[in-house]
């Protein structure tokens, strides 16, 4: 693992009209590591990923890549940095084969025609580098692939373009036990090859199986980012649901503010009872 972060986000804020979705979010991802991004529905995970990928512009905050500040205006800018995102819907076309999907929108040409031999060779080399052995033919239609095989193709498509940071959005959702194990093995392989991997997941078993660090979001704020070996399953669940676990997480006042409670309010004002009874 490199001691220098590949991606650093500091104080990221994002609002949609009057609704503030991200509040001073901090996030770090290292090359050669899997960083799990966890949080309840509505915690801001998808918004944060779309800010990283250039789909949403950030309102304020610092975006550092390789230690230098960058501005990402579009997905093309993110791809130029080496950031690739595999969304939960995979963005694959059932009526195209594996090679055609991997090069969709980025086709290689030779003169006026598609350079099919080069694309097939590059697709095969990428799948071989990822030790993918479950695909019978590169010319199989994606419609004929299993859920695990589709996820594999989507990940291979992401790393084909010399990516350095791969973000996976719920890659094991709706997969069986064997297919989940296959995808998690691939996730670990990506990190072992030196790529930075961000894994978004609700499945704590998957998170603890492959993650080196775990970043927890709570109502649009960073509750904590910790080493996976320093926390327990129950502590992560508590960070997700309450924003704090013991001495880890948001300060009590910050948790109250995130829940819409004024930390300076008097219990008398809240209840009308001079004894503060509820």
C-alpha atoms as a PDB file:
ATOM      1  CA  UNK A   1       0.000   0.000   0.000  1.00  0.00           C
ATOM      2  CA  UNK A   2       1.243   3.492  -0.843  1.00  0.00           C
ATOM      3  CA  UNK A   3       1.423   5.963   2.027  1.00  0.00           C
ATOM      4  CA  UNK A   4       0.167   8.712  -0.293  1.00  0.00           C
ATOM      5  CA  UNK A   5      -3.576   8.835  -1.000  1.00  0.00           C
ATOM      6  CA  UNK A   6      -4.739   8.516  -4.585  1.00  0.00           C
ATOM      7  CA  UNK A   7      -7.978  10.422  -3.934  1.00  0.00           C
ATOM      8  CA  UNK A   8      -8.614  12.942  -1.167  1.00  0.00           C
ATOM      9  CA  UNK A   9     -11.837  14.855  -0.604  1.00  0.00           C
ATOM     10  CA  UNK A  10     -12.007  17.510   2.093  1.00  0.00           C
ATOM     11  CA  UNK A  11     -15.024  19.528   3.189  1.00  0.00           C
ATOM     12  CA  UNK A  12     -17.213  18.513   0.244  1.00  0.00           C
ATOM     13  CA  UNK A  13     -20.637  20.188   0.189  1.00  0.00           C
ATOM     14  CA  UNK A  14     -23.450  19.547  -2.267  1.00  0.00           C
ATOM     15  CA  UNK A  15     -26.983  20.920  -2.262  1.00  0.00           C
ATOM     16  CA  UNK A  16     -29.959  20.538  -4.542  1.00  0.00           C
ATOM     17  CA  UNK A  17     -31.967  23.703  -4.062  1.00  0.00           C
ATOM     18  CA  UNK A  18     -32.673  24.087  -0.336  1.00  0.00           C
ATOM     19  CA  UNK A  19     -31.718  20.467   0.429  1.00  0.00           C
ATOM     20  CA  UNK A  20     -28.102  19.973   1.517  1.00  0.00           C
ATOM     21  CA  UNK A  21     -27.154  16.405   0.681  1.00  0.00           C
ATOM     22  CA  UNK A  22     -23.444  16.449   1.580  1.00  0.00           C
ATOM     23  CA  UNK A  23     -22.069  18.422   4.527  1.00  0.00           C
ATOM     24  CA  UNK A  24     -18.306  18.874   4.846  1.00  0.00           C
ATOM     25  CA  UNK A  25     -17.627  15.297   3.726  1.00  0.00           C
ATOM     26  CA  UNK A  26     -14.060  13.981   3.983  1.00  0.00           C
ATOM     27  CA  UNK A  27     -13.017  10.840   2.121  1.00  0.00           C
ATOM     28  CA  UNK A  28      -9.679   9.205   1.258  1.00  0.00           C
ATOM     29  CA  UNK A  29      -8.807   6.289  -1.025  1.00  0.00           C
ATOM     30  CA  UNK A  30      -5.359   4.706  -1.348  1.00  0.00           C
ATOM     31  CA  UNK A  31      -3.824   2.782  -4.258  1.00  0.00           C
ATOM     32  CA  UNK A  32      -3.592  -0.936  -3.604  1.00  0.00           C
ATOM     33  CA  UNK A  33      -6.450  -0.829  -1.090  1.00  0.00           C
ATOM     34  CA  UNK A  34     -10.178  -1.441  -0.975  1.00  0.00           C
ATOM     35  CA  UNK A  35     -12.061   1.372   0.750  1.00  0.00           C
ATOM     36  CA  UNK A  36     -15.663   0.498   1.581  1.00  0.00           C
ATOM     37  CA  UNK A  37     -18.173   3.355   1.489  1.00  0.00           C
ATOM     38  CA  UNK A  38     -21.168   2.489   3.648  1.00  0.00           C
ATOM     39  CA  UNK A  39     -24.248   4.286   4.890  1.00  0.00           C
ATOM     40  CA  UNK A  40     -27.992   3.978   5.124  1.00  0.00           C
ATOM     41  CA  UNK A  41     -30.301   4.851   2.239  1.00  0.00           C
ATOM     42  CA  UNK A  42     -30.231   8.619   1.824  1.00  0.00           C
ATOM     43  CA  UNK A  43     -26.852   9.017   3.560  1.00  0.00           C
ATOM     44  CA  UNK A  44     -25.334  10.565   0.421  1.00  0.00           C
ATOM     45  CA  UNK A  45     -23.256   7.692  -0.986  1.00  0.00           C
ATOM     46  CA  UNK A  46     -24.541   7.950  -4.543  1.00  0.00           C
ATOM     47  CA  UNK A  47     -24.279  11.742  -4.547  1.00  0.00           C
ATOM     48  CA  UNK A  48     -20.678  11.569  -3.328  1.00  0.00           C
ATOM     49  CA  UNK A  49     -19.752   9.038  -6.018  1.00  0.00           C
ATOM     50  CA  UNK A  50     -21.382  11.180  -8.706  1.00  0.00           C
ATOM     51  CA  UNK A  51     -19.388  14.181  -7.470  1.00  0.00           C
ATOM     52  CA  UNK A  52     -16.202  12.100  -7.739  1.00  0.00           C
ATOM     53  CA  UNK A  53     -17.206  10.967 -11.232  1.00  0.00           C
ATOM     54  CA  UNK A  54     -18.019  14.456 -12.516  1.00  0.00           C
ATOM     55  CA  UNK A  55     -21.750  13.927 -12.922  1.00  0.00           C
ATOM     56  CA  UNK A  56     -22.537  16.493 -10.206  1.00  0.00           C
ATOM     57  CA  UNK A  57     -20.336  19.553  -9.636  1.00  0.00           C
ATOM     58  CA  UNK A  58     -19.363  20.076  -6.005  1.00  0.00           C
ATOM     59  CA  UNK A  59     -20.556  23.306  -4.391  1.00  0.00           C
ATOM     60  CA  UNK A  60     -17.457  23.712  -2.230  1.00  0.00           C
ATOM     61  CA  UNK A  61     -14.564  21.694  -0.875  1.00  0.00           C
ATOM     62  CA  UNK A  62     -11.248  20.325  -2.087  1.00  0.00           C
ATOM     63  CA  UNK A  63     -10.800  17.493  -4.606  1.00  0.00           C
ATOM     64  CA  UNK A  64      -7.228  16.174  -4.627  1.00  0.00           C
ATOM     65  CA  UNK A  65      -6.005  13.493  -7.009  1.00  0.00           C
ATOM     66  CA  UNK A  66      -2.446  12.238  -6.664  1.00  0.00           C
ATOM     67  CA  UNK A  67      -1.841  15.016  -4.168  1.00  0.00           C
ATOM     68  CA  UNK A  68      -2.778  17.866  -6.492  1.00  0.00           C
ATOM     69  CA  UNK A  69      -6.031  19.833  -6.609  1.00  0.00           C
ATOM     70  CA  UNK A  70      -8.197  19.110  -9.634  1.00  0.00           C
ATOM     71  CA  UNK A  71     -11.546  20.282 -10.940  1.00  0.00           C
ATOM     72  CA  UNK A  72     -13.804  17.640 -12.442  1.00  0.00           C
ATOM     73  CA  UNK A  73     -16.531  19.093 -14.634  1.00  0.00           C
ATOM     74  CA  UNK A  74     -17.695  15.932 -16.414  1.00  0.00           C
ATOM     75  CA  UNK A  75     -17.332  12.141 -16.528  1.00  0.00           C
ATOM     76  CA  UNK A  76     -14.814  12.655 -19.332  1.00  0.00           C
ATOM     77  CA  UNK A  77     -12.623  14.686 -16.947  1.00  0.00           C
ATOM     78  CA  UNK A  78     -12.853  11.897 -14.357  1.00  0.00           C
ATOM     79  CA  UNK A  79     -11.944   9.252 -16.941  1.00  0.00           C
ATOM     80  CA  UNK A  80      -8.944  11.325 -18.008  1.00  0.00           C
ATOM     81  CA  UNK A  81      -7.704  11.149 -14.412  1.00  0.00           C
ATOM     82  CA  UNK A  82      -8.169   7.384 -14.369  1.00  0.00           C
ATOM     83  CA  UNK A  83     -11.436   7.258 -12.412  1.00  0.00           C
ATOM     84  CA  UNK A  84     -13.966   4.674 -13.600  1.00  0.00           C
ATOM     85  CA  UNK A  85     -17.331   3.905 -11.997  1.00  0.00           C
ATOM     86  CA  UNK A  86     -19.287   0.663 -12.337  1.00  0.00           C
ATOM     87  CA  UNK A  87     -22.871   1.546 -11.475  1.00  0.00           C
ATOM     88  CA  UNK A  88     -25.363  -0.914 -10.091  1.00  0.00           C
ATOM     89  CA  UNK A  89     -27.229  -1.197 -13.415  1.00  0.00           C
ATOM     90  CA  UNK A  90     -23.844  -2.102 -15.068  1.00  0.00           C
ATOM     91  CA  UNK A  91     -24.652  -0.086 -18.242  1.00  0.00           C
ATOM     92  CA  UNK A  92     -24.243  -3.154 -20.485  1.00  0.00           C
ATOM     93  CA  UNK A  93     -26.157  -3.836 -23.702  1.00  0.00           C
ATOM     94  CA  UNK A  94     -27.738  -7.295 -23.816  1.00  0.00           C
ATOM     95  CA  UNK A  95     -27.757  -7.407 -27.621  1.00  0.00           C
ATOM     96  CA  UNK A  96     -23.991  -6.877 -27.918  1.00  0.00           C
ATOM     97  CA  UNK A  97     -21.192  -9.327 -27.194  1.00  0.00           C
ATOM     98  CA  UNK A  98     -18.491  -8.946 -24.537  1.00  0.00           C
ATOM     99  CA  UNK A  99     -15.953  -7.220 -26.795  1.00  0.00           C
ATOM    100  CA  UNK A 100     -18.527  -4.800 -28.186  1.00  0.00           C
ATOM    101  CA  UNK A 101     -19.653  -3.892 -24.660  1.00  0.00           C
ATOM    102  CA  UNK A 102     -16.131  -3.343 -23.373  1.00  0.00           C
ATOM    103  CA  UNK A 103     -15.370  -0.911 -26.214  1.00  0.00           C
ATOM    104  CA  UNK A 104     -18.803   0.690 -26.484  1.00  0.00           C
ATOM    105  CA  UNK A 105     -18.320   4.369 -27.236  1.00  0.00           C
ATOM    106  CA  UNK A 106     -14.526   3.928 -27.391  1.00  0.00           C
ATOM    107  CA  UNK A 107     -14.211   1.673 -30.415  1.00  0.00           C
ATOM    108  CA  UNK A 108     -10.829   1.178 -32.093  1.00  0.00           C
ATOM    109  CA  UNK A 109     -10.780   1.742 -35.817  1.00  0.00           C
ATOM    110  CA  UNK A 110      -8.466   0.867 -38.669  1.00  0.00           C
ATOM    111  CA  UNK A 111      -9.111   3.336 -41.430  1.00  0.00           C
ATOM    112  CA  UNK A 112     -12.872   3.516 -41.883  1.00  0.00           C
ATOM    113  CA  UNK A 113     -13.706   0.164 -40.291  1.00  0.00           C
ATOM    114  CA  UNK A 114     -13.670  -1.214 -36.778  1.00  0.00           C
ATOM    115  CA  UNK A 115     -10.410  -2.847 -35.730  1.00  0.00           C
ATOM    116  CA  UNK A 116     -12.042  -6.011 -34.429  1.00  0.00           C
ATOM    117  CA  UNK A 117      -8.828  -8.076 -33.977  1.00  0.00           C
ATOM    118  CA  UNK A 118      -7.218  -5.392 -31.795  1.00  0.00           C
ATOM    119  CA  UNK A 119     -10.337  -4.921 -29.667  1.00  0.00           C
ATOM    120  CA  UNK A 120     -10.729  -8.671 -29.196  1.00  0.00           C
ATOM    121  CA  UNK A 121      -7.063  -9.028 -28.241  1.00  0.00           C
ATOM    122  CA  UNK A 122      -7.239  -6.168 -25.700  1.00  0.00           C
ATOM    123  CA  UNK A 123     -10.472  -7.492 -24.181  1.00  0.00           C
ATOM    124  CA  UNK A 124      -8.978 -10.972 -23.863  1.00  0.00           C
ATOM    125  CA  UNK A 125      -5.778  -9.651 -22.257  1.00  0.00           C
ATOM    126  CA  UNK A 126      -7.782  -7.641 -19.716  1.00  0.00           C
ATOM    127  CA  UNK A 127      -9.938 -10.604 -18.720  1.00  0.00           C
ATOM    128  CA  UNK A 128      -6.838 -12.809 -18.507  1.00  0.00           C
ATOM    129  CA  UNK A 129      -5.062 -10.239 -16.313  1.00  0.00           C
ATOM    130  CA  UNK A 130      -8.048 -10.328 -13.974  1.00  0.00           C
ATOM    131  CA  UNK A 131      -7.921 -14.147 -13.942  1.00  0.00           C
ATOM    132  CA  UNK A 132     -11.445 -14.402 -15.342  1.00  0.00           C
ATOM    133  CA  UNK A 133     -12.040 -18.013 -16.335  1.00  0.00           C
ATOM    134  CA  UNK A 134     -15.829 -18.294 -16.326  1.00  0.00           C
ATOM    135  CA  UNK A 135     -16.408 -16.724 -19.767  1.00  0.00           C
ATOM    136  CA  UNK A 136     -16.460 -19.279 -22.582  1.00  0.00           C
ATOM    137  CA  UNK A 137     -16.124 -16.869 -25.501  1.00  0.00           C
ATOM    138  CA  UNK A 138     -15.443 -13.153 -25.928  1.00  0.00           C
ATOM    139  CA  UNK A 139     -18.151 -13.157 -28.566  1.00  0.00           C
ATOM    140  CA  UNK A 140     -20.907 -14.328 -26.214  1.00  0.00           C
ATOM    141  CA  UNK A 141     -23.881 -12.011 -26.086  1.00  0.00           C
ATOM    142  CA  UNK A 142     -24.177 -10.347 -22.695  1.00  0.00           C
ATOM    143  CA  UNK A 143     -27.807 -11.544 -22.610  1.00  0.00           C
ATOM    144  CA  UNK A 144     -26.492 -15.100 -22.195  1.00  0.00           C
ATOM    145  CA  UNK A 145     -24.271 -14.303 -19.184  1.00  0.00           C
ATOM    146  CA  UNK A 146     -25.053 -14.886 -15.523  1.00  0.00           C
ATOM    147  CA  UNK A 147     -25.240 -12.035 -13.036  1.00  0.00           C
ATOM    148  CA  UNK A 148     -21.721 -12.673 -11.800  1.00  0.00           C
ATOM    149  CA  UNK A 149     -20.338 -12.840 -15.338  1.00  0.00           C
ATOM    150  CA  UNK A 150     -22.045  -9.552 -16.226  1.00  0.00           C
ATOM    151  CA  UNK A 151     -20.495  -7.891 -13.192  1.00  0.00           C
ATOM    152  CA  UNK A 152     -17.107  -9.274 -14.243  1.00  0.00           C
ATOM    153  CA  UNK A 153     -17.493  -7.816 -17.738  1.00  0.00           C
ATOM    154  CA  UNK A 154     -18.505  -4.433 -16.318  1.00  0.00           C
ATOM    155  CA  UNK A 155     -15.444  -4.386 -14.034  1.00  0.00           C
ATOM    156  CA  UNK A 156     -13.145  -5.497 -16.866  1.00  0.00           C
ATOM    157  CA  UNK A 157     -14.586  -2.702 -19.014  1.00  0.00           C
ATOM    158  CA  UNK A 158     -13.677  -0.212 -16.279  1.00  0.00           C
ATOM    159  CA  UNK A 159     -10.060  -1.362 -15.904  1.00  0.00           C
ATOM    160  CA  UNK A 160      -9.471  -1.695 -19.651  1.00  0.00           C
ATOM    161  CA  UNK A 161      -8.701   2.023 -19.937  1.00  0.00           C
ATOM    162  CA  UNK A 162      -5.681   2.196 -17.629  1.00  0.00           C
ATOM    163  CA  UNK A 163      -7.871   3.275 -14.740  1.00  0.00           C
ATOM    164  CA  UNK A 164      -6.262   3.901 -11.375  1.00  0.00           C
ATOM    165  CA  UNK A 165      -9.383   4.250  -9.228  1.00  0.00           C
ATOM    166  CA  UNK A 166     -12.365   1.943  -9.721  1.00  0.00           C
ATOM    167  CA  UNK A 167     -15.623   2.643  -7.887  1.00  0.00           C
ATOM    168  CA  UNK A 168     -18.052  -0.276  -7.618  1.00  0.00           C
ATOM    169  CA  UNK A 169     -21.666   0.459  -6.696  1.00  0.00           C
ATOM    170  CA  UNK A 170     -23.249  -2.561  -4.963  1.00  0.00           C
ATOM    171  CA  UNK A 171     -21.423  -5.117  -7.150  1.00  0.00           C
ATOM    172  CA  UNK A 172     -22.827  -8.147  -5.299  1.00  0.00           C
ATOM    173  CA  UNK A 173     -26.448  -7.018  -5.147  1.00  0.00           C
ATOM    174  CA  UNK A 174     -28.827  -9.761  -6.322  1.00  0.00           C
ATOM    175  CA  UNK A 175     -25.993 -12.296  -6.772  1.00  0.00           C
ATOM    176  CA  UNK A 176     -25.901 -15.823  -5.391  1.00  0.00           C
ATOM    177  CA  UNK A 177     -23.291 -17.090  -2.953  1.00  0.00           C
ATOM    178  CA  UNK A 178     -20.899 -18.492  -5.579  1.00  0.00           C
ATOM    179  CA  UNK A 179     -21.194 -15.435  -7.841  1.00  0.00           C
ATOM    180  CA  UNK A 180     -20.661 -13.100  -4.883  1.00  0.00           C
ATOM    181  CA  UNK A 181     -17.462 -14.934  -3.955  1.00  0.00           C
ATOM    182  CA  UNK A 182     -16.281 -14.641  -7.555  1.00  0.00           C
ATOM    183  CA  UNK A 183     -16.872 -10.871  -7.654  1.00  0.00           C
ATOM    184  CA  UNK A 184     -15.258 -10.280  -4.247  1.00  0.00           C
ATOM    185  CA  UNK A 185     -12.190 -12.202  -5.367  1.00  0.00           C
ATOM    186  CA  UNK A 186     -12.005  -9.929  -8.408  1.00  0.00           C
ATOM    187  CA  UNK A 187     -12.335  -6.825  -6.193  1.00  0.00           C
ATOM    188  CA  UNK A 188      -9.411  -7.993  -4.087  1.00  0.00           C
ATOM    189  CA  UNK A 189      -7.376  -8.735  -7.222  1.00  0.00           C
ATOM    190  CA  UNK A 190      -7.850  -5.167  -8.452  1.00  0.00           C
ATOM    191  CA  UNK A 191      -6.387  -3.806  -5.220  1.00  0.00           C
ATOM    192  CA  UNK A 192      -3.561  -6.343  -5.259  1.00  0.00           C
ATOM    193  CA  UNK A 193      -2.634  -5.065  -8.729  1.00  0.00           C
ATOM    194  CA  UNK A 194      -2.185  -1.569  -7.309  1.00  0.00           C
ATOM    195  CA  UNK A 195      -5.520   0.023  -8.184  1.00  0.00           C
ATOM    196  CA  UNK A 196      -7.494   2.028  -5.685  1.00  0.00           C
ATOM    197  CA  UNK A 197     -10.925   0.426  -5.214  1.00  0.00           C
ATOM    198  CA  UNK A 198     -13.991   2.028  -3.631  1.00  0.00           C
ATOM    199  CA  UNK A 199     -16.673  -0.518  -2.749  1.00  0.00           C
ATOM    200  CA  UNK A 200     -20.193   0.704  -2.015  1.00  0.00           C
ATOM    201  CA  UNK A 201     -22.160  -1.974  -0.220  1.00  0.00           C
ATOM    202  CA  UNK A 202     -24.926  -2.595   2.317  1.00  0.00           C
ATOM    203  CA  UNK A 203     -23.605  -6.103   2.954  1.00  0.00           C
ATOM    204  CA  UNK A 204     -21.308  -5.966   5.974  1.00  0.00           C
ATOM    205  CA  UNK A 205     -20.054  -9.510   5.340  1.00  0.00           C
ATOM    206  CA  UNK A 206     -18.791  -8.408   1.916  1.00  0.00           C
ATOM    207  CA  UNK A 207     -17.279  -5.245   3.399  1.00  0.00           C
ATOM    208  CA  UNK A 208     -15.295  -7.063   6.076  1.00  0.00           C
ATOM    209  CA  UNK A 209     -14.260  -9.771   3.587  1.00  0.00           C
ATOM    210  CA  UNK A 210     -12.330  -7.406   1.294  1.00  0.00           C
ATOM    211  CA  UNK A 211     -12.078  -3.864   2.733  1.00  0.00           C
ATOM    212  CA  UNK A 212      -8.905  -2.330   4.160  1.00  0.00           C
ATOM    213  CA  UNK A 213     -10.666   0.861   5.276  1.00  0.00           C
ATOM    214  CA  UNK A 214     -14.327   1.641   5.926  1.00  0.00           C
ATOM    215  CA  UNK A 215     -15.837   5.104   5.459  1.00  0.00           C
ATOM    216  CA  UNK A 216     -19.258   5.610   7.060  1.00  0.00           C
ATOM    217  CA  UNK A 217     -21.686   8.315   5.970  1.00  0.00           C
ATOM    218  CA  UNK A 218     -24.487   9.454   8.264  1.00  0.00           C
ATOM    219  CA  UNK A 219     -27.120  11.858   6.917  1.00  0.00           C
ATOM    220  CA  UNK A 220     -24.701  13.456   4.479  1.00  0.00           C
ATOM    221  CA  UNK A 221     -21.757  13.706   6.875  1.00  0.00           C
ATOM    222  CA  UNK A 222     -18.632  11.600   7.355  1.00  0.00           C
ATOM    223  CA  UNK A 223     -19.211   9.762  10.625  1.00  0.00           C
ATOM    224  CA  UNK A 224     -15.782   8.085  10.480  1.00  0.00           C
ATOM    225  CA  UNK A 225     -13.199   6.543   8.186  1.00  0.00           C
ATOM    226  CA  UNK A 226     -11.333   3.766   9.961  1.00  0.00           C
ATOM    227  CA  UNK A 227      -9.247   0.669   9.325  1.00  0.00           C
ATOM    228  CA  UNK A 228     -11.456  -2.390   8.945  1.00  0.00           C
ATOM    229  CA  UNK A 229      -9.344  -4.208  11.531  1.00  0.00           C
ATOM    230  CA  UNK A 230      -9.982  -1.477  14.136  1.00  0.00           C
ATOM    231  CA  UNK A 231     -13.781  -1.818  14.262  1.00  0.00           C
ATOM    232  CA  UNK A 232     -16.371  -4.532  14.713  1.00  0.00           C
ATOM    233  CA  UNK A 233     -19.443  -5.347  12.678  1.00  0.00           C
ATOM    234  CA  UNK A 234     -21.716  -3.856  15.356  1.00  0.00           C
ATOM    235  CA  UNK A 235     -19.664  -0.648  15.560  1.00  0.00           C
ATOM    236  CA  UNK A 236     -20.002  -0.061  11.815  1.00  0.00           C
ATOM    237  CA  UNK A 237     -23.755  -0.681  11.997  1.00  0.00           C
ATOM    238  CA  UNK A 238     -23.987   1.824  14.859  1.00  0.00           C
ATOM    239  CA  UNK A 239     -21.999   4.402  12.872  1.00  0.00           C
ATOM    240  CA  UNK A 240     -24.363   3.918   9.940  1.00  0.00           C
ATOM    241  CA  UNK A 241     -27.544   4.187  11.993  1.00  0.00           C
ATOM    242  CA  UNK A 242     -26.543   6.673  14.718  1.00  0.00           C
ATOM    243  CA  UNK A 243     -23.446   8.450  13.423  1.00  0.00           C
ATOM    244  CA  UNK A 244     -21.448   7.466  16.487  1.00  0.00           C
ATOM    245  CA  UNK A 245     -20.209   4.347  18.269  1.00  0.00           C
ATOM    246  CA  UNK A 246     -18.468   4.829  21.608  1.00  0.00           C
ATOM    247  CA  UNK A 247     -15.689   7.340  21.042  1.00  0.00           C
ATOM    248  CA  UNK A 248     -15.752   6.866  17.249  1.00  0.00           C
ATOM    249  CA  UNK A 249     -17.831   9.074  14.986  1.00  0.00           C
ATOM    250  CA  UNK A 250     -19.525  12.447  15.014  1.00  0.00           C
ATOM    251  CA  UNK A 251     -19.664  14.559  18.141  1.00  0.00           C
ATOM    252  CA  UNK A 252     -23.044  14.306  19.926  1.00  0.00           C
ATOM    253  CA  UNK A 253     -23.890  17.886  18.938  1.00  0.00           C
ATOM    254  CA  UNK A 254     -23.197  17.092  15.278  1.00  0.00           C
ATOM    255  CA  UNK A 255     -25.411  13.990  15.448  1.00  0.00           C
ATOM    256  CA  UNK A 256     -28.200  16.055  16.943  1.00  0.00           C
ATOM    257  CA  UNK A 257     -27.840  18.729  14.284  1.00  0.00           C
ATOM    258  CA  UNK A 258     -27.895  16.085  11.531  1.00  0.00           C
ATOM    259  CA  UNK A 259     -31.176  14.806  12.970  1.00  0.00           C
ATOM    260  CA  UNK A 260     -32.622  18.316  13.014  1.00  0.00           C
ATOM    261  CA  UNK A 261     -32.282  18.777  16.775  1.00  0.00           C
ATOM    262  CA  UNK A 262     -30.985  22.107  18.030  1.00  0.00           C
ATOM    263  CA  UNK A 263     -28.150  21.199  20.447  1.00  0.00           C
ATOM    264  CA  UNK A 264     -28.572  24.533  22.231  1.00  0.00           C
ATOM    265  CA  UNK A 265     -32.306  24.087  22.832  1.00  0.00           C
ATOM    266  CA  UNK A 266     -33.459  23.875  26.422  1.00  0.00           C
ATOM    267  CA  UNK A 267     -35.454  20.801  27.431  1.00  0.00           C
ATOM    268  CA  UNK A 268     -37.965  23.237  28.956  1.00  0.00           C
ATOM    269  CA  UNK A 269     -38.506  24.829  25.558  1.00  0.00           C
ATOM    270  CA  UNK A 270     -38.857  21.391  23.999  1.00  0.00           C
ATOM    271  CA  UNK A 271     -41.352  19.971  26.470  1.00  0.00           C
ATOM    272  CA  UNK A 272     -42.825  22.864  28.427  1.00  0.00           C
ATOM    273  CA  UNK A 273     -41.928  20.980  31.628  1.00  0.00           C
ATOM    274  CA  UNK A 274     -39.520  22.864  33.956  1.00  0.00           C
ATOM    275  CA  UNK A 275     -38.141  19.461  35.008  1.00  0.00           C
ATOM    276  CA  UNK A 276     -37.398  18.595  31.400  1.00  0.00           C
ATOM    277  CA  UNK A 277     -39.673  15.542  31.485  1.00  0.00           C
ATOM    278  CA  UNK A 278     -40.762  14.119  28.153  1.00  0.00           C
END
